[in-house]
Amino acid sequence: MDVSFFIDPIHKTVTSVQDGYARAGELIGTELTDTATLWGDAADSDTSVQVIVADDSLTDNAMSRGFFRVTLELENARLERVLAGKAVLNAYGSPPPDIKEQVKTLRAMRERVSFISAEDAFQWFEENTGGSPFSLEG
């Protein structure tokens, strides 16, 4: 498996792209990126689902970039991340069948991405990480 999707929270779109890992900088508009692993196989480093976003140090205002949540389910566990700005989601290697089904097609991926408000993102960070990396104050 080797699939890539471009996520744009400003336009609220998810599109399939070719060579997303190699082209991530071009697609999101900067070569300075961070990678968030949503799921990975500890026994096989060539198998994972990752989201590449712009490095947070580049932006003064996360809210102007828009927010999205990616949610996968593995057995009875939710694997969820909230991110800001344009991103490229890459899935590659040999993930288990339940992960593969959730990321193998554009339709499946669109069901896994939701575009959320700054308030909802702030709440998610407070509940899941113990604090938000941004302020709602303006």
N, C-alpha and C. Protein backbone atom coordinates (compact mmCIF):
# COMPACT_ATOMS: atom_id res chain seq x y z
N MET A 1 0.85 -1.18 0.00
CA MET A 1 0.00 0.00 0.00
C MET A 1 0.89 1.23 0.00
N ASP A 2 0.54 2.21 -0.81
CA ASP A 2 1.20 3.51 -0.82
C ASP A 2 0.22 4.52 -1.36
N VAL A 3 -0.51 5.19 -0.46
CA VAL A 3 -1.50 6.17 -0.87
C VAL A 3 -1.26 7.49 -0.14
N SER A 4 -1.65 8.58 -0.78
CA SER A 4 -1.49 9.91 -0.19
C SER A 4 -2.73 10.73 -0.45
N PHE A 5 -3.07 11.57 0.55
CA PHE A 5 -4.23 12.44 0.44
C PHE A 5 -3.84 13.84 0.91
N PHE A 6 -4.28 14.84 0.18
CA PHE A 6 -4.05 16.24 0.54
C PHE A 6 -5.29 16.73 1.29
N ILE A 7 -5.08 17.28 2.49
CA ILE A 7 -6.17 17.76 3.33
C ILE A 7 -6.04 19.28 3.43
N ASP A 8 -7.10 19.99 3.05
CA ASP A 8 -7.11 21.44 3.09
C ASP A 8 -8.27 21.91 3.96
N PRO A 9 -8.00 22.28 5.23
CA PRO A 9 -9.09 22.68 6.12
C PRO A 9 -9.71 24.04 5.80
N ILE A 10 -9.02 24.88 5.05
CA ILE A 10 -9.60 26.16 4.67
C ILE A 10 -10.71 25.93 3.64
N HIS A 11 -10.44 25.10 2.65
CA HIS A 11 -11.45 24.79 1.62
C HIS A 11 -12.29 23.57 1.97
N LYS A 12 -11.95 22.93 3.10
CA LYS A 12 -12.67 21.74 3.58
C LYS A 12 -12.73 20.64 2.51
N THR A 13 -11.54 20.30 1.99
CA THR A 13 -11.44 19.28 0.97
C THR A 13 -10.39 18.23 1.33
N VAL A 14 -10.63 17.02 0.85
CA VAL A 14 -9.67 15.93 0.91
C VAL A 14 -9.56 15.40 -0.51
N THR A 15 -8.35 15.39 -1.07
CA THR A 15 -8.15 14.90 -2.42
C THR A 15 -7.01 13.89 -2.45
N SER A 16 -7.09 12.96 -3.38
CA SER A 16 -6.04 11.97 -3.58
C SER A 16 -4.91 12.63 -4.37
N VAL A 17 -3.66 12.37 -3.98
CA VAL A 17 -2.51 12.93 -4.69
C VAL A 17 -1.48 11.83 -4.93
N GLN A 18 -0.70 12.02 -5.98
CA GLN A 18 0.40 11.11 -6.28
C GLN A 18 1.66 11.59 -5.56
N ASP A 19 2.48 10.67 -5.10
CA ASP A 19 3.77 10.99 -4.49
C ASP A 19 3.65 12.01 -3.36
N GLY A 20 2.64 11.85 -2.51
CA GLY A 20 2.38 12.80 -1.44
C GLY A 20 3.53 12.98 -0.49
N TYR A 21 4.23 11.91 -0.16
CA TYR A 21 5.35 12.03 0.77
C TYR A 21 6.45 12.90 0.17
N ALA A 22 6.79 12.62 -1.07
CA ALA A 22 7.86 13.36 -1.74
C ALA A 22 7.45 14.80 -2.05
N ARG A 23 6.17 15.03 -2.26
CA ARG A 23 5.68 16.36 -2.65
C ARG A 23 5.03 17.13 -1.51
N ALA A 24 5.13 16.66 -0.28
CA ALA A 24 4.43 17.29 0.84
C ALA A 24 4.75 18.77 0.96
N GLY A 25 6.00 19.14 0.90
CA GLY A 25 6.38 20.55 1.01
C GLY A 25 5.73 21.41 -0.05
N GLU A 26 5.74 20.91 -1.28
CA GLU A 26 5.11 21.62 -2.40
C GLU A 26 3.61 21.78 -2.17
N LEU A 27 2.97 20.71 -1.71
CA LEU A 27 1.51 20.73 -1.54
C LEU A 27 1.06 21.63 -0.39
N ILE A 28 1.80 21.62 0.72
CA ILE A 28 1.36 22.42 1.86
C ILE A 28 2.00 23.81 1.89
N GLY A 29 2.97 24.04 1.02
CA GLY A 29 3.51 25.39 0.86
C GLY A 29 4.76 25.70 1.65
N THR A 30 5.44 24.70 2.19
CA THR A 30 6.70 24.92 2.89
C THR A 30 7.49 23.62 2.97
N GLU A 31 8.79 23.76 2.93
CA GLU A 31 9.65 22.58 3.10
C GLU A 31 9.92 22.29 4.58
N LEU A 32 9.57 23.24 5.47
CA LEU A 32 9.76 23.04 6.90
C LEU A 32 8.50 22.38 7.46
N THR A 33 8.59 21.08 7.67
CA THR A 33 7.41 20.31 8.05
C THR A 33 7.63 19.52 9.33
N ASP A 34 6.52 19.14 9.93
CA ASP A 34 6.49 18.20 11.05
C ASP A 34 5.69 16.99 10.60
N THR A 35 6.02 15.84 11.15
CA THR A 35 5.29 14.62 10.83
C THR A 35 4.68 14.05 12.10
N ALA A 36 3.38 13.78 12.04
CA ALA A 36 2.67 13.16 13.15
C ALA A 36 2.29 11.75 12.72
N THR A 37 2.75 10.75 13.47
CA THR A 37 2.38 9.37 13.16
C THR A 37 1.05 9.06 13.82
N LEU A 38 0.08 8.72 13.00
CA LEU A 38 -1.25 8.37 13.49
C LEU A 38 -1.28 6.90 13.91
N TRP A 39 -0.61 6.07 13.12
CA TRP A 39 -0.49 4.64 13.42
C TRP A 39 0.81 4.15 12.83
N GLY A 40 1.48 3.26 13.54
CA GLY A 40 2.70 2.67 13.03
C GLY A 40 2.86 1.25 13.50
N ASP A 41 3.58 0.47 12.73
CA ASP A 41 3.87 -0.92 13.07
C ASP A 41 5.26 -0.96 13.70
N ALA A 42 5.32 -1.26 14.98
CA ALA A 42 6.59 -1.28 15.70
C ALA A 42 7.58 -2.28 15.10
N ALA A 43 7.06 -3.34 14.51
CA ALA A 43 7.93 -4.38 13.94
C ALA A 43 8.36 -4.06 12.51
N ASP A 44 7.72 -3.08 11.86
CA ASP A 44 8.02 -2.77 10.47
C ASP A 44 7.99 -1.26 10.29
N SER A 45 9.14 -0.62 10.31
CA SER A 45 9.21 0.84 10.21
C SER A 45 8.76 1.36 8.85
N ASP A 46 8.61 0.47 7.88
CA ASP A 46 8.13 0.87 6.56
C ASP A 46 6.62 0.78 6.44
N THR A 47 5.93 0.58 7.55
CA THR A 47 4.47 0.50 7.55
C THR A 47 3.93 1.51 8.56
N SER A 48 3.20 2.52 8.05
CA SER A 48 2.62 3.49 8.96
C SER A 48 1.58 4.36 8.26
N VAL A 49 0.87 5.12 9.06
CA VAL A 49 -0.03 6.17 8.58
C VAL A 49 0.47 7.45 9.25
N GLN A 50 0.92 8.40 8.43
CA GLN A 50 1.49 9.64 8.94
C GLN A 50 0.81 10.84 8.32
N VAL A 51 0.82 11.94 9.06
CA VAL A 51 0.29 13.20 8.56
C VAL A 51 1.41 14.22 8.61
N ILE A 52 1.69 14.83 7.46
CA ILE A 52 2.74 15.84 7.37
C ILE A 52 2.07 17.21 7.33
N VAL A 53 2.49 18.10 8.24
CA VAL A 53 1.95 19.46 8.32
C VAL A 53 3.10 20.45 8.36
N ALA A 54 2.77 21.75 8.19
CA ALA A 54 3.79 22.79 8.30
C ALA A 54 4.29 22.84 9.73
N ASP A 55 5.56 23.09 9.88
CA ASP A 55 6.16 23.25 11.20
C ASP A 55 5.43 24.38 11.93
N ASP A 56 5.00 24.14 13.17
CA ASP A 56 4.24 25.13 13.94
C ASP A 56 4.99 26.44 14.15
N SER A 57 6.29 26.41 14.14
CA SER A 57 7.05 27.64 14.38
C SER A 57 6.90 28.63 13.23
N LEU A 58 6.35 28.19 12.11
CA LEU A 58 6.21 29.07 10.96
C LEU A 58 4.99 29.97 11.04
N THR A 59 4.06 29.65 11.91
CA THR A 59 2.80 30.37 11.90
C THR A 59 2.57 31.10 13.21
N ASP A 60 2.06 32.29 13.09
CA ASP A 60 1.71 33.07 14.27
C ASP A 60 0.27 32.81 14.70
N ASN A 61 -0.55 32.38 13.76
CA ASN A 61 -1.97 32.25 14.06
C ASN A 61 -2.51 30.93 13.52
N ALA A 62 -2.57 29.91 14.39
CA ALA A 62 -3.06 28.59 13.97
C ALA A 62 -4.49 28.66 13.48
N MET A 63 -5.30 29.55 14.06
CA MET A 63 -6.72 29.62 13.70
C MET A 63 -6.93 30.03 12.25
N SER A 64 -6.02 30.83 11.69
CA SER A 64 -6.19 31.24 10.30
C SER A 64 -5.93 30.10 9.33
N ARG A 65 -5.33 29.01 9.82
CA ARG A 65 -5.02 27.86 8.95
C ARG A 65 -6.13 26.83 8.94
N GLY A 66 -7.07 26.91 9.85
CA GLY A 66 -8.15 25.93 9.92
C GLY A 66 -7.69 24.65 10.61
N PHE A 67 -8.65 23.92 11.15
CA PHE A 67 -8.37 22.69 11.88
C PHE A 67 -9.10 21.50 11.29
N PHE A 68 -8.51 20.33 11.47
CA PHE A 68 -9.18 19.09 11.09
C PHE A 68 -8.79 17.99 12.07
N ARG A 69 -9.66 16.98 12.12
CA ARG A 69 -9.42 15.81 12.97
C ARG A 69 -9.39 14.59 12.06
N VAL A 70 -8.40 13.72 12.28
CA VAL A 70 -8.31 12.44 11.59
C VAL A 70 -8.54 11.36 12.64
N THR A 71 -9.48 10.46 12.37
CA THR A 71 -9.80 9.40 13.31
C THR A 71 -9.75 8.05 12.61
N LEU A 72 -8.93 7.16 13.13
CA LEU A 72 -8.89 5.78 12.67
C LEU A 72 -9.29 4.91 13.85
N GLU A 73 -9.74 3.72 13.55
CA GLU A 73 -10.09 2.78 14.61
C GLU A 73 -9.35 1.47 14.37
N LEU A 74 -8.75 0.97 15.44
CA LEU A 74 -8.01 -0.29 15.39
C LEU A 74 -8.52 -1.14 16.54
N GLU A 75 -9.15 -2.24 16.19
CA GLU A 75 -9.82 -3.09 17.17
C GLU A 75 -10.79 -2.22 17.94
N ASN A 76 -10.63 -2.02 19.23
CA ASN A 76 -11.56 -1.18 19.99
C ASN A 76 -10.95 0.16 20.38
N ALA A 77 -9.85 0.54 19.75
CA ALA A 77 -9.17 1.79 20.10
C ALA A 77 -9.34 2.84 19.01
N ARG A 78 -9.52 4.09 19.44
CA ARG A 78 -9.57 5.21 18.51
C ARG A 78 -8.19 5.82 18.42
N LEU A 79 -7.72 6.02 17.21
CA LEU A 79 -6.46 6.69 16.96
C LEU A 79 -6.82 8.03 16.35
N GLU A 80 -6.62 9.11 17.10
CA GLU A 80 -7.14 10.39 16.66
C GLU A 80 -6.12 11.49 16.87
N ARG A 81 -6.05 12.41 15.91
CA ARG A 81 -5.20 13.59 16.00
C ARG A 81 -5.97 14.79 15.49
N VAL A 82 -5.72 15.94 16.09
CA VAL A 82 -6.24 17.21 15.59
C VAL A 82 -5.03 18.02 15.13
N LEU A 83 -5.13 18.56 13.93
CA LEU A 83 -4.02 19.30 13.33
C LEU A 83 -4.54 20.58 12.70
N ALA A 84 -3.63 21.53 12.47
CA ALA A 84 -3.98 22.80 11.86
C ALA A 84 -3.26 22.94 10.52
N GLY A 85 -3.96 23.53 9.57
CA GLY A 85 -3.35 23.85 8.28
C GLY A 85 -3.40 22.71 7.29
N LYS A 86 -2.94 23.02 6.09
CA LYS A 86 -2.90 22.03 5.02
C LYS A 86 -1.98 20.89 5.42
N ALA A 87 -2.32 19.69 4.96
CA ALA A 87 -1.55 18.52 5.35
C ALA A 87 -1.58 17.46 4.26
N VAL A 88 -0.65 16.54 4.35
CA VAL A 88 -0.62 15.37 3.48
C VAL A 88 -0.63 14.14 4.38
N LEU A 89 -1.63 13.29 4.19
CA LEU A 89 -1.70 12.03 4.92
C LEU A 89 -1.16 10.95 4.00
N ASN A 90 -0.19 10.18 4.52
CA ASN A 90 0.42 9.08 3.77
C ASN A 90 0.19 7.78 4.51
N ALA A 91 -0.21 6.77 3.77
CA ALA A 91 -0.34 5.42 4.32
C ALA A 91 0.49 4.50 3.43
N TYR A 92 1.40 3.77 4.06
CA TYR A 92 2.24 2.89 3.24
C TYR A 92 2.63 1.64 4.01
N GLY A 93 3.10 0.67 3.25
CA GLY A 93 3.50 -0.59 3.85
C GLY A 93 2.36 -1.58 3.86
N SER A 94 2.33 -2.41 4.91
CA SER A 94 1.33 -3.48 5.03
C SER A 94 0.56 -3.35 6.34
N PRO A 95 -0.32 -2.34 6.42
CA PRO A 95 -1.09 -2.19 7.67
C PRO A 95 -2.09 -3.34 7.83
N PRO A 96 -2.57 -3.56 9.06
CA PRO A 96 -3.59 -4.58 9.25
C PRO A 96 -4.85 -4.24 8.45
N PRO A 97 -5.66 -5.25 8.12
CA PRO A 97 -6.82 -5.03 7.26
C PRO A 97 -7.77 -3.91 7.72
N ASP A 98 -8.00 -3.77 9.03
CA ASP A 98 -8.94 -2.73 9.47
C ASP A 98 -8.37 -1.33 9.23
N ILE A 99 -7.08 -1.11 9.41
CA ILE A 99 -6.47 0.19 9.10
C ILE A 99 -6.47 0.40 7.59
N LYS A 100 -6.09 -0.62 6.85
CA LYS A 100 -6.02 -0.51 5.39
C LYS A 100 -7.37 -0.09 4.80
N GLU A 101 -8.46 -0.67 5.28
CA GLU A 101 -9.79 -0.33 4.77
C GLU A 101 -10.13 1.14 5.00
N GLN A 102 -9.62 1.73 6.07
CA GLN A 102 -9.95 3.11 6.42
C GLN A 102 -9.15 4.15 5.64
N VAL A 103 -8.06 3.72 5.01
CA VAL A 103 -7.20 4.69 4.32
C VAL A 103 -6.93 4.35 2.85
N LYS A 104 -7.53 3.30 2.33
CA LYS A 104 -7.13 2.88 0.99
C LYS A 104 -7.78 3.64 -0.15
N THR A 105 -8.91 4.29 0.10
CA THR A 105 -9.58 5.02 -0.98
C THR A 105 -9.90 6.45 -0.54
N LEU A 106 -10.14 7.30 -1.52
CA LEU A 106 -10.51 8.68 -1.23
C LEU A 106 -11.83 8.71 -0.45
N ARG A 107 -12.77 7.90 -0.84
CA ARG A 107 -14.05 7.87 -0.14
C ARG A 107 -13.87 7.47 1.33
N ALA A 108 -13.08 6.43 1.57
CA ALA A 108 -12.82 5.98 2.95
C ALA A 108 -12.12 7.08 3.74
N MET A 109 -11.16 7.75 3.13
CA MET A 109 -10.40 8.79 3.83
C MET A 109 -11.29 9.98 4.16
N ARG A 110 -12.18 10.34 3.26
CA ARG A 110 -13.09 11.46 3.53
C ARG A 110 -13.98 11.17 4.73
N GLU A 111 -14.27 9.91 4.98
CA GLU A 111 -15.07 9.54 6.16
C GLU A 111 -14.26 9.65 7.44
N ARG A 112 -12.94 9.65 7.35
CA ARG A 112 -12.06 9.67 8.51
C ARG A 112 -11.59 11.07 8.88
N VAL A 113 -11.81 12.05 8.00
CA VAL A 113 -11.38 13.42 8.24
C VAL A 113 -12.60 14.28 8.50
N SER A 114 -12.56 15.06 9.59
CA SER A 114 -13.62 16.02 9.83
C SER A 114 -13.00 17.39 10.06
N PHE A 115 -13.63 18.41 9.52
CA PHE A 115 -13.15 19.78 9.67
C PHE A 115 -13.86 20.37 10.88
N ILE A 116 -13.07 20.97 11.78
CA ILE A 116 -13.63 21.41 13.05
C ILE A 116 -13.28 22.87 13.32
N SER A 117 -14.02 23.47 14.22
CA SER A 117 -13.80 24.87 14.59
C SER A 117 -12.59 24.99 15.52
N ALA A 118 -12.10 26.21 15.67
CA ALA A 118 -11.01 26.47 16.62
C ALA A 118 -11.43 26.09 18.04
N GLU A 119 -12.68 26.37 18.39
CA GLU A 119 -13.17 26.03 19.72
C GLU A 119 -13.16 24.53 19.95
N ASP A 120 -13.60 23.76 18.93
CA ASP A 120 -13.58 22.30 19.05
C ASP A 120 -12.15 21.76 19.13
N ALA A 121 -11.24 22.36 18.36
CA ALA A 121 -9.83 21.95 18.41
C ALA A 121 -9.25 22.24 19.79
N PHE A 122 -9.54 23.43 20.32
CA PHE A 122 -9.07 23.81 21.64
C PHE A 122 -9.57 22.81 22.68
N GLN A 123 -10.85 22.46 22.63
CA GLN A 123 -11.46 21.50 23.55
C GLN A 123 -10.78 20.13 23.43
N TRP A 124 -10.54 19.68 22.20
CA TRP A 124 -9.89 18.38 21.98
C TRP A 124 -8.51 18.37 22.64
N PHE A 125 -7.72 19.42 22.43
CA PHE A 125 -6.39 19.47 23.03
C PHE A 125 -6.47 19.47 24.56
N GLU A 126 -7.41 20.23 25.10
CA GLU A 126 -7.57 20.28 26.56
C GLU A 126 -7.90 18.89 27.11
N GLU A 127 -8.78 18.17 26.45
CA GLU A 127 -9.22 16.86 26.93
C GLU A 127 -8.22 15.75 26.67
N ASN A 128 -7.46 15.86 25.58
CA ASN A 128 -6.60 14.74 25.16
C ASN A 128 -5.12 14.94 25.40
N THR A 129 -4.68 16.16 25.59
CA THR A 129 -3.25 16.39 25.78
C THR A 129 -2.94 17.19 27.02
N GLY A 130 -3.96 17.60 27.74
CA GLY A 130 -3.74 18.35 28.97
C GLY A 130 -3.54 19.83 28.78
N GLY A 131 -3.68 20.30 27.57
CA GLY A 131 -3.54 21.74 27.30
C GLY A 131 -3.44 22.01 25.83
N SER A 132 -3.93 23.16 25.41
CA SER A 132 -3.92 23.51 24.00
C SER A 132 -2.63 24.23 23.62
N PRO A 133 -2.10 23.98 22.40
CA PRO A 133 -0.90 24.67 21.95
C PRO A 133 -1.19 26.08 21.44
N PHE A 134 -2.46 26.51 21.50
CA PHE A 134 -2.81 27.84 21.05
C PHE A 134 -3.87 28.42 21.97
N SER A 135 -4.06 29.71 21.86
CA SER A 135 -5.05 30.40 22.68
C SER A 135 -6.23 30.82 21.82
N LEU A 136 -7.40 30.81 22.38
CA LEU A 136 -8.58 31.31 21.67
C LEU A 136 -8.68 32.83 21.74
N GLU A 137 -7.85 33.44 22.56
CA GLU A 137 -7.84 34.91 22.68
C GLU A 137 -7.16 35.47 21.44
N GLY A 138 -7.69 36.56 20.93
CA GLY A 138 -7.25 37.02 19.72
C GLY A 138 -6.27 37.91 19.31
